[in-house]
C-alpha atoms as a PDB file:
ATOM      1  CA  MET A   1     -28.216  55.815  36.978  1.00  0.00           C
ATOM      2  CA  THR A   2     -26.335  54.149  39.831  1.00  0.00           C
ATOM      3  CA  ASP A   3     -24.059  51.316  38.759  1.00  0.00           C
ATOM      4  CA  GLN A   4     -25.062  48.580  41.204  1.00  0.00           C
ATOM      5  CA  LEU A   5     -22.271  46.310  40.011  1.00  0.00           C
ATOM      6  CA  GLU A   6     -19.575  48.836  40.904  1.00  0.00           C
ATOM      7  CA  ASN A   7     -21.151  49.722  44.257  1.00  0.00           C
ATOM      8  CA  SER A   8     -22.033  46.242  45.498  1.00  0.00           C
ATOM      9  CA  LYS A   9     -19.990  44.224  47.964  1.00  0.00           C
ATOM     10  CA  PRO A  10     -17.904  41.326  46.617  1.00  0.00           C
ATOM     11  CA  ILE A  11     -20.173  38.388  45.880  1.00  0.00           C
ATOM     12  CA  LEU A  12     -18.862  36.025  48.581  1.00  0.00           C
ATOM     13  CA  GLU A  13     -19.321  38.734  51.210  1.00  0.00           C
ATOM     14  CA  ARG A  14     -22.946  39.043  50.158  1.00  0.00           C
ATOM     15  CA  PHE A  15     -23.475  35.387  51.046  1.00  0.00           C
ATOM     16  CA  ARG A  16     -22.317  36.045  54.609  1.00  0.00           C
ATOM     17  CA  LEU A  17     -24.905  36.023  57.420  1.00  0.00           C
ATOM     18  CA  ASP A  18     -22.915  37.858  60.068  1.00  0.00           C
ATOM     19  CA  ASN A  19     -25.001  39.615  62.755  1.00  0.00           C
ATOM     20  CA  ARG A  20     -28.148  37.799  61.630  1.00  0.00           C
ATOM     21  CA  VAL A  21     -30.280  35.535  63.782  1.00  0.00           C
ATOM     22  CA  ALA A  22     -31.749  32.356  62.343  1.00  0.00           C
ATOM     23  CA  LEU A  23     -34.090  29.724  63.687  1.00  0.00           C
ATOM     24  CA  VAL A  24     -34.460  26.226  62.272  1.00  0.00           C
ATOM     25  CA  THR A  25     -37.426  24.074  63.260  1.00  0.00           C
ATOM     26  CA  GLY A  26     -36.864  20.354  63.129  1.00  0.00           C
ATOM     27  CA  GLY A  27     -33.231  21.300  63.634  1.00  0.00           C
ATOM     28  CA  GLY A  28     -32.392  18.339  65.813  1.00  0.00           C
ATOM     29  CA  GLN A  29     -31.829  15.861  63.016  1.00  0.00           C
ATOM     30  CA  GLY A  30     -31.652  15.220  59.287  1.00  0.00           C
ATOM     31  CA  ILE A  31     -32.131  18.123  56.898  1.00  0.00           C
ATOM     32  CA  GLY A  32     -32.821  20.606  59.692  1.00  0.00           C
ATOM     33  CA  ARG A  33     -29.521  19.748  61.353  1.00  0.00           C
ATOM     34  CA  ALA A  34     -27.700  20.353  58.061  1.00  0.00           C
ATOM     35  CA  PHE A  35     -29.488  23.693  57.636  1.00  0.00           C
ATOM     36  CA  ALA A  36     -28.504  24.765  61.156  1.00  0.00           C
ATOM     37  CA  HIS A  37     -24.856  23.953  60.498  1.00  0.00           C
ATOM     38  CA  ALA A  38     -24.878  25.778  57.145  1.00  0.00           C
ATOM     39  CA  LEU A  39     -26.428  28.975  58.518  1.00  0.00           C
ATOM     40  CA  GLY A  40     -24.064  29.000  61.477  1.00  0.00           C
ATOM     41  CA  GLU A  41     -21.010  28.407  59.302  1.00  0.00           C
ATOM     42  CA  ALA A  42     -22.117  31.350  57.143  1.00  0.00           C
ATOM     43  CA  GLY A  43     -22.023  33.607  60.213  1.00  0.00           C
ATOM     44  CA  ALA A  44     -25.534  33.554  61.668  1.00  0.00           C
ATOM     45  CA  MET A  45     -26.482  33.051  65.278  1.00  0.00           C
ATOM     46  CA  VAL A  46     -28.716  29.984  65.295  1.00  0.00           C
ATOM     47  CA  ALA A  47     -31.644  28.781  67.377  1.00  0.00           C
ATOM     48  CA  VAL A  48     -31.979  25.022  66.958  1.00  0.00           C
ATOM     49  CA  VAL A  49     -35.650  24.177  67.514  1.00  0.00           C
ATOM     50  CA  ASP A  50     -36.948  20.658  67.975  1.00  0.00           C
ATOM     51  CA  VAL A  51     -39.853  18.968  69.714  1.00  0.00           C
ATOM     52  CA  VAL A  52     -37.301  16.664  71.398  1.00  0.00           C
ATOM     53  CA  SER A  53     -35.048  18.662  73.699  1.00  0.00           C
ATOM     54  CA  ASP A  54     -32.143  16.187  73.638  1.00  0.00           C
ATOM     55  CA  ARG A  55     -31.935  16.404  69.855  1.00  0.00           C
ATOM     56  CA  ALA A  56     -31.892  20.196  69.906  1.00  0.00           C
ATOM     57  CA  GLU A  57     -29.216  20.240  72.612  1.00  0.00           C
ATOM     58  CA  THR A  58     -27.024  17.749  70.726  1.00  0.00           C
ATOM     59  CA  VAL A  59     -27.021  19.819  67.544  1.00  0.00           C
ATOM     60  CA  ALA A  60     -26.475  22.989  69.555  1.00  0.00           C
ATOM     61  CA  ASP A  61     -23.373  21.383  71.082  1.00  0.00           C
ATOM     62  CA  GLU A  62     -22.129  20.534  67.578  1.00  0.00           C
ATOM     63  CA  LEU A  63     -22.451  24.174  66.554  1.00  0.00           C
ATOM     64  CA  VAL A  64     -20.773  25.439  69.714  1.00  0.00           C
ATOM     65  CA  ALA A  65     -17.803  23.208  68.875  1.00  0.00           C
ATOM     66  CA  LYS A  66     -17.505  25.151  65.602  1.00  0.00           C
ATOM     67  CA  GLY A  67     -17.515  28.485  67.430  1.00  0.00           C
ATOM     68  CA  ILE A  68     -21.078  29.328  66.428  1.00  0.00           C
ATOM     69  CA  GLU A  69     -23.333  31.293  68.784  1.00  0.00           C
ATOM     70  CA  VAL A  70     -26.339  29.074  69.352  1.00  0.00           C
ATOM     71  CA  MET A  71     -29.270  28.265  71.578  1.00  0.00           C
ATOM     72  CA  ALA A  72     -31.461  25.157  71.807  1.00  0.00           C
ATOM     73  CA  VAL A  73     -35.230  25.623  71.974  1.00  0.00           C
ATOM     74  CA  THR A  74     -37.839  22.945  72.576  1.00  0.00           C
ATOM     75  CA  ALA A  75     -41.235  23.581  70.989  1.00  0.00           C
ATOM     76  CA  ASP A  76     -44.151  21.784  69.336  1.00  0.00           C
ATOM     77  CA  ILE A  77     -44.824  23.770  66.163  1.00  0.00           C
ATOM     78  CA  THR A  78     -48.423  22.542  65.969  1.00  0.00           C
ATOM     79  CA  LYS A  79     -49.252  24.553  69.106  1.00  0.00           C
ATOM     80  CA  ALA A  80     -49.701  28.292  68.565  1.00  0.00           C
ATOM     81  CA  ASP A  81     -48.764  29.159  72.137  1.00  0.00           C
ATOM     82  CA  GLN A  82     -45.523  27.197  71.903  1.00  0.00           C
ATOM     83  CA  VAL A  83     -44.667  28.806  68.557  1.00  0.00           C
ATOM     84  CA  LYS A  84     -45.149  32.276  70.048  1.00  0.00           C
ATOM     85  CA  TRP A  85     -43.045  31.258  73.030  1.00  0.00           C
ATOM     86  CA  MET A  86     -40.341  29.995  70.658  1.00  0.00           C
ATOM     87  CA  VAL A  87     -40.157  33.323  68.820  1.00  0.00           C
ATOM     88  CA  ASN A  88     -40.286  35.375  72.039  1.00  0.00           C
ATOM     89  CA  THR A  89     -37.523  33.269  73.598  1.00  0.00           C
ATOM     90  CA  ILE A  90     -35.266  34.003  70.634  1.00  0.00           C
ATOM     91  CA  LEU A  91     -36.122  37.708  70.743  1.00  0.00           C
ATOM     92  CA  ASP A  92     -35.452  37.859  74.476  1.00  0.00           C
ATOM     93  CA  HIS A  93     -32.027  36.345  73.871  1.00  0.00           C
ATOM     94  CA  TRP A  94     -30.867  38.119  70.689  1.00  0.00           C
ATOM     95  CA  LYS A  95     -33.400  40.972  70.271  1.00  0.00           C
ATOM     96  CA  ILE A  96     -33.809  40.276  66.525  1.00  0.00           C
ATOM     97  CA  LEU A  97     -34.995  37.540  64.184  1.00  0.00           C
ATOM     98  CA  THR A  98     -33.761  37.783  60.612  1.00  0.00           C
ATOM     99  CA  ILE A  99     -34.031  34.283  59.140  1.00  0.00           C
ATOM    100  CA  SER A 100     -36.572  31.549  59.782  1.00  0.00           C
ATOM    101  CA  VAL A 101     -36.337  28.056  58.347  1.00  0.00           C
ATOM    102  CA  ASN A 102     -39.608  26.203  58.867  1.00  0.00           C
ATOM    103  CA  ASN A 103     -38.352  22.708  58.314  1.00  0.00           C
ATOM    104  CA  ALA A 104     -40.111  20.501  60.880  1.00  0.00           C
ATOM    105  CA  GLY A 105     -42.215  17.822  59.232  1.00  0.00           C
ATOM    106  CA  ILE A 106     -43.231  14.194  59.236  1.00  0.00           C
ATOM    107  CA  ALA A 107     -43.724  11.565  56.544  1.00  0.00           C
ATOM    108  CA  GLY A 108     -45.770   8.414  56.274  1.00  0.00           C
ATOM    109  CA  TRP A 109     -47.018   5.861  53.784  1.00  0.00           C
ATOM    110  CA  PHE A 110     -50.717   5.025  53.917  1.00  0.00           C
ATOM    111  CA  ASP A 111     -53.046   3.525  51.337  1.00  0.00           C
ATOM    112  CA  SER A 112     -55.669   6.218  50.857  1.00  0.00           C
ATOM    113  CA  GLU A 113     -58.650   3.874  51.093  1.00  0.00           C
ATOM    114  CA  THR A 114     -57.653   2.740  54.579  1.00  0.00           C
ATOM    115  CA  MET A 115     -55.782   5.743  55.989  1.00  0.00           C
ATOM    116  CA  PRO A 116     -57.085   6.616  59.474  1.00  0.00           C
ATOM    117  CA  GLU A 117     -58.471  10.122  59.863  1.00  0.00           C
ATOM    118  CA  ALA A 118     -56.149  10.680  62.811  1.00  0.00           C
ATOM    119  CA  GLU A 119     -53.103  10.081  60.620  1.00  0.00           C
ATOM    120  CA  TRP A 120     -54.398  12.519  57.994  1.00  0.00           C
ATOM    121  CA  ASN A 121     -54.930  15.156  60.677  1.00  0.00           C
ATOM    122  CA  ARG A 122     -51.469  14.589  62.145  1.00  0.00           C
ATOM    123  CA  MET A 123     -49.797  14.920  58.730  1.00  0.00           C
ATOM    124  CA  LEU A 124     -51.569  18.175  57.923  1.00  0.00           C
ATOM    125  CA  ASP A 125     -51.103  19.546  61.450  1.00  0.00           C
ATOM    126  CA  VAL A 126     -47.332  19.146  61.428  1.00  0.00           C
ATOM    127  CA  ASN A 127     -46.522  19.692  57.770  1.00  0.00           C
ATOM    128  CA  LEU A 128     -48.919  22.518  56.913  1.00  0.00           C
ATOM    129  CA  LYS A 129     -50.535  24.076  59.962  1.00  0.00           C
ATOM    130  CA  GLY A 130     -47.202  24.064  61.776  1.00  0.00           C
ATOM    131  CA  VAL A 131     -45.508  25.898  58.905  1.00  0.00           C
ATOM    132  CA  PHE A 132     -48.282  28.495  58.884  1.00  0.00           C
ATOM    133  CA  LEU A 133     -48.168  29.056  62.650  1.00  0.00           C
ATOM    134  CA  CYS A 134     -44.403  29.521  62.504  1.00  0.00           C
ATOM    135  CA  ALA A 135     -44.509  31.820  59.485  1.00  0.00           C
ATOM    136  CA  GLN A 136     -47.282  33.868  61.100  1.00  0.00           C
ATOM    137  CA  ALA A 137     -45.345  34.423  64.326  1.00  0.00           C
ATOM    138  CA  GLU A 138     -42.073  35.056  62.480  1.00  0.00           C
ATOM    139  CA  GLY A 139     -43.766  37.384  59.995  1.00  0.00           C
ATOM    140  CA  GLN A 140     -45.235  39.494  62.772  1.00  0.00           C
ATOM    141  CA  VAL A 141     -41.698  40.220  63.954  1.00  0.00           C
ATOM    142  CA  MET A 142     -40.111  40.713  60.538  1.00  0.00           C
ATOM    143  CA  LEU A 143     -42.871  42.955  59.192  1.00  0.00           C
ATOM    144  CA  LYS A 144     -42.240  45.378  62.044  1.00  0.00           C
ATOM    145  CA  THR A 145     -38.586  45.726  61.070  1.00  0.00           C
ATOM    146  CA  GLY A 146     -39.247  45.714  57.326  1.00  0.00           C
ATOM    147  CA  TYR A 147     -36.877  42.861  56.508  1.00  0.00           C
ATOM    148  CA  GLY A 148     -36.738  39.105  56.886  1.00  0.00           C
ATOM    149  CA  LYS A 149     -36.222  35.783  55.154  1.00  0.00           C
ATOM    150  CA  ILE A 150     -38.663  32.910  55.667  1.00  0.00           C
ATOM    151  CA  ILE A 151     -37.677  29.596  54.112  1.00  0.00           C
ATOM    152  CA  ASN A 152     -40.098  26.666  54.196  1.00  0.00           C
ATOM    153  CA  THR A 153     -39.155  23.059  53.543  1.00  0.00           C
ATOM    154  CA  ALA A 154     -41.556  21.628  50.975  1.00  0.00           C
ATOM    155  CA  SER A 155     -40.713  18.567  48.859  1.00  0.00           C
ATOM    156  CA  MET A 156     -40.531  17.415  45.273  1.00  0.00           C
ATOM    157  CA  SER A 157     -43.697  15.556  46.350  1.00  0.00           C
ATOM    158  CA  ALA A 158     -45.427  18.944  46.265  1.00  0.00           C
ATOM    159  CA  HIS A 159     -45.013  18.832  42.478  1.00  0.00           C
ATOM    160  CA  ILE A 160     -45.576  15.158  41.652  1.00  0.00           C
ATOM    161  CA  ALA A 161     -47.340  12.018  42.863  1.00  0.00           C
ATOM    162  CA  ASN A 162     -44.178  10.008  43.337  1.00  0.00           C
ATOM    163  CA  MET A 163     -44.491   6.231  43.394  1.00  0.00           C
ATOM    164  CA  PRO A 164     -44.462   3.317  44.227  1.00  0.00           C
ATOM    165  CA  GLN A 165     -45.269   4.293  47.837  1.00  0.00           C
ATOM    166  CA  SER A 166     -48.741   5.519  48.796  1.00  0.00           C
ATOM    167  CA  GLN A 167     -48.408   8.975  50.333  1.00  0.00           C
ATOM    168  CA  ALA A 168     -51.334  11.119  49.230  1.00  0.00           C
ATOM    169  CA  ALA A 169     -51.545  12.907  52.586  1.00  0.00           C
ATOM    170  CA  TYR A 170     -47.846  13.782  52.581  1.00  0.00           C
ATOM    171  CA  ASN A 171     -48.010  14.986  48.974  1.00  0.00           C
ATOM    172  CA  ALA A 172     -51.063  17.131  49.724  1.00  0.00           C
ATOM    173  CA  SER A 173     -49.458  18.640  52.822  1.00  0.00           C
ATOM    174  CA  LYS A 174     -46.308  19.616  50.940  1.00  0.00           C
ATOM    175  CA  ALA A 175     -48.306  21.019  48.015  1.00  0.00           C
ATOM    176  CA  GLY A 176     -50.029  23.149  50.620  1.00  0.00           C
ATOM    177  CA  VAL A 177     -46.648  24.381  51.856  1.00  0.00           C
ATOM    178  CA  LEU A 178     -45.766  25.358  48.304  1.00  0.00           C
ATOM    179  CA  HIS A 179     -48.870  27.469  47.782  1.00  0.00           C
ATOM    180  CA  LEU A 180     -48.737  28.882  51.307  1.00  0.00           C
ATOM    181  CA  THR A 181     -45.203  30.034  50.484  1.00  0.00           C
ATOM    182  CA  ARG A 182     -46.363  31.774  47.310  1.00  0.00           C
ATOM    183  CA  SER A 183     -49.334  33.358  49.065  1.00  0.00           C
ATOM    184  CA  LEU A 184     -47.308  34.743  51.956  1.00  0.00           C
ATOM    185  CA  ALA A 185     -44.643  35.960  49.541  1.00  0.00           C
ATOM    186  CA  ALA A 186     -47.198  37.938  47.555  1.00  0.00           C
ATOM    187  CA  GLU A 187     -48.808  39.319  50.709  1.00  0.00           C
ATOM    188  CA  TRP A 188     -45.593  40.429  52.399  1.00  0.00           C
ATOM    189  CA  ALA A 189     -43.263  41.356  49.516  1.00  0.00           C
ATOM    190  CA  SER A 190     -44.039  45.071  49.652  1.00  0.00           C
ATOM    191  CA  ARG A 191     -43.142  45.113  53.347  1.00  0.00           C
ATOM    192  CA  GLY A 192     -39.692  43.591  53.012  1.00  0.00           C
ATOM    193  CA  VAL A 193     -40.299  39.962  53.988  1.00  0.00           C
ATOM    194  CA  ARG A 194     -39.255  37.345  51.439  1.00  0.00           C
ATOM    195  CA  VAL A 195     -40.801  33.881  51.583  1.00  0.00           C
ATOM    196  CA  ASN A 196     -39.350  31.007  49.556  1.00  0.00           C
ATOM    197  CA  SER A 197     -39.184  27.226  49.823  1.00  0.00           C
ATOM    198  CA  ILE A 198     -36.797  24.354  49.235  1.00  0.00           C
ATOM    199  CA  SER A 199     -38.076  21.078  47.804  1.00  0.00           C
ATOM    200  CA  PRO A 200     -35.701  18.170  48.412  1.00  0.00           C
ATOM    201  CA  GLY A 201     -35.910  14.942  46.483  1.00  0.00           C
ATOM    202  CA  TYR A 202     -35.077  11.596  48.052  1.00  0.00           C
ATOM    203  CA  THR A 203     -32.398  12.522  50.585  1.00  0.00           C
ATOM    204  CA  ARG A 204     -30.261  10.257  52.726  1.00  0.00           C
ATOM    205  CA  THR A 205     -31.110  11.152  56.322  1.00  0.00           C
ATOM    206  CA  GLU A 206     -30.886   8.937  59.373  1.00  0.00           C
ATOM    207  CA  LEU A 207     -34.575   8.054  59.007  1.00  0.00           C
ATOM    208  CA  VAL A 208     -34.239   7.227  55.308  1.00  0.00           C
ATOM    209  CA  ASN A 209     -31.177   5.090  56.044  1.00  0.00           C
ATOM    210  CA  GLN A 210     -33.209   3.115  58.574  1.00  0.00           C
ATOM    211  CA  LEU A 211     -36.100   2.787  56.132  1.00  0.00           C
ATOM    212  CA  ILE A 212     -34.067   1.434  53.216  1.00  0.00           C
ATOM    213  CA  GLN A 213     -32.551  -1.199  55.494  1.00  0.00           C
ATOM    214  CA  GLN A 214     -36.029  -2.654  55.988  1.00  0.00           C
ATOM    215  CA  PRO A 215     -37.904  -4.651  53.316  1.00  0.00           C
ATOM    216  CA  ILE A 216     -40.609  -1.985  52.900  1.00  0.00           C
ATOM    217  CA  GLY A 217     -38.015   0.618  51.977  1.00  0.00           C
ATOM    218  CA  ARG A 218     -35.367  -1.581  50.404  1.00  0.00           C
ATOM    219  CA  ASP A 219     -37.874  -2.730  47.770  1.00  0.00           C
ATOM    220  CA  LYS A 220     -38.605   0.861  46.785  1.00  0.00           C
ATOM    221  CA  LEU A 221     -35.033   2.151  46.621  1.00  0.00           C
ATOM    222  CA  PRO A 222     -34.361   0.765  43.091  1.00  0.00           C
ATOM    223  CA  HIS A 223     -37.452   2.573  41.796  1.00  0.00           C
ATOM    224  CA  TRP A 224     -36.296   5.859  43.353  1.00  0.00           C
ATOM    225  CA  LEU A 225     -32.814   5.567  41.875  1.00  0.00           C
ATOM    226  CA  GLU A 226     -34.102   4.531  38.452  1.00  0.00           C
ATOM    227  CA  ARG A 227     -36.287   7.644  38.305  1.00  0.00           C
ATOM    228  CA  THR A 228     -33.445   9.948  39.445  1.00  0.00           C
ATOM    229  CA  PRO A 229     -31.231  10.968  36.502  1.00  0.00           C
ATOM    230  CA  MET A 230     -28.208  11.346  38.775  1.00  0.00           C
ATOM    231  CA  GLY A 231     -28.732   7.782  39.978  1.00  0.00           C
ATOM    232  CA  ARG A 232     -28.256   8.402  43.688  1.00  0.00           C
ATOM    233  CA  LEU A 233     -29.984   9.691  46.782  1.00  0.00           C
ATOM    234  CA  GLY A 234     -29.321  13.271  47.755  1.00  0.00           C
ATOM    235  CA  GLU A 235     -27.150  14.037  50.753  1.00  0.00           C
ATOM    236  CA  VAL A 236     -28.121  16.656  53.312  1.00  0.00           C
ATOM    237  CA  THR A 237     -25.021  18.599  52.283  1.00  0.00           C
ATOM    238  CA  ASP A 238     -26.539  18.947  48.799  1.00  0.00           C
ATOM    239  CA  LEU A 239     -29.200  21.213  50.342  1.00  0.00           C
ATOM    240  CA  GLN A 240     -27.008  23.519  52.381  1.00  0.00           C
ATOM    241  CA  GLY A 241     -26.042  25.936  49.615  1.00  0.00           C
ATOM    242  CA  ALA A 242     -29.681  26.681  48.816  1.00  0.00           C
ATOM    243  CA  VAL A 243     -30.591  27.604  52.369  1.00  0.00           C
ATOM    244  CA  VAL A 244     -27.639  29.983  52.675  1.00  0.00           C
ATOM    245  CA  TYR A 245     -28.501  31.547  49.317  1.00  0.00           C
ATOM    246  CA  LEU A 246     -32.141  32.110  50.292  1.00  0.00           C
ATOM    247  CA  ALA A 247     -31.142  33.438  53.725  1.00  0.00           C
ATOM    248  CA  SER A 248     -28.568  35.914  52.430  1.00  0.00           C
ATOM    249  CA  GLU A 249     -28.810  39.277  50.714  1.00  0.00           C
ATOM    250  CA  VAL A 250     -27.910  37.802  47.326  1.00  0.00           C
ATOM    251  CA  SER A 251     -31.522  36.569  47.067  1.00  0.00           C
ATOM    252  CA  ASP A 252     -33.163  39.848  48.141  1.00  0.00           C
ATOM    253  CA  PHE A 253     -35.034  40.128  44.822  1.00  0.00           C
ATOM    254  CA  MET A 254     -36.363  36.574  45.060  1.00  0.00           C
ATOM    255  CA  THR A 255     -39.648  35.675  46.704  1.00  0.00           C
ATOM    256  CA  GLY A 256     -42.446  33.177  46.166  1.00  0.00           C
ATOM    257  CA  HIS A 257     -40.056  30.705  44.557  1.00  0.00           C
ATOM    258  CA  ASP A 258     -39.432  27.009  45.152  1.00  0.00           C
ATOM    259  CA  VAL A 259     -35.934  25.576  44.766  1.00  0.00           C
ATOM    260  CA  VAL A 260     -36.173  21.923  43.736  1.00  0.00           C
ATOM    261  CA  ILE A 261     -33.085  19.862  44.610  1.00  0.00           C
ATOM    262  CA  ASP A 262     -33.895  16.331  43.454  1.00  0.00           C
ATOM    263  CA  GLY A 263     -31.080  15.047  41.264  1.00  0.00           C
ATOM    264  CA  GLY A 264     -33.288  15.657  38.248  1.00  0.00           C
ATOM    265  CA  TYR A 265     -36.231  13.525  39.391  1.00  0.00           C
ATOM    266  CA  CYS A 266     -38.817  16.071  38.279  1.00  0.00           C
ATOM    267  CA  ALA A 267     -37.058  16.787  34.976  1.00  0.00           C
ATOM    268  CA  TRP A 268     -38.904  14.027  33.119  1.00  0.00           C
END
């Protein structure tokens, strides 16, 4: 029997992402921006994808300043043709795609009895259909090579009906991401493609900072903190280790799993 412990590379080397190509949707701000920085710092070449070109370019410039090989891509992940173009653009540039982080998403608070149908459709289009379209296009590439890592951003709201805000559509969309992740993982595991997800809790992004400065958000912040055992909001840096772990070879025997990073919110 081969002793894997003796023959394996040192553990920190196994976290490295050298010579790998990663894409991050929603990479122009917030959690996606943090993921792009983390993957690049770990050695990957990174495609920063965002629906707003200026945001993608700004984050790309930040990565270039760190000596990371990067490209900015503008795409609407709810459009299948744009998703295919996104993947083909990356392949044309780097010839491979090893890691995909499907992070783009939107949030919104709506009382269910009055929520407009258009808002429901928009939430599900971006948060669920968009993740599927990306995973489908990425999977088609990775399945051909027999290896790949797909990481979807879900939410602790996929597991719970967090209150006091009304967000049934958001919760449902993220629960869909969770089960889509499991389903794709089961379908593709035998062909070398791992599919996992990360579920952040309340995390301090630019948008959350703006929200909690307004009465509608400021009134809810004490409830969020009271329900979080660690007593604080998460920082985007709290999520970076998980994305590198799931993208690297150290997690090669892990698929269909959700990593909840919520300060303990779901623990009780």
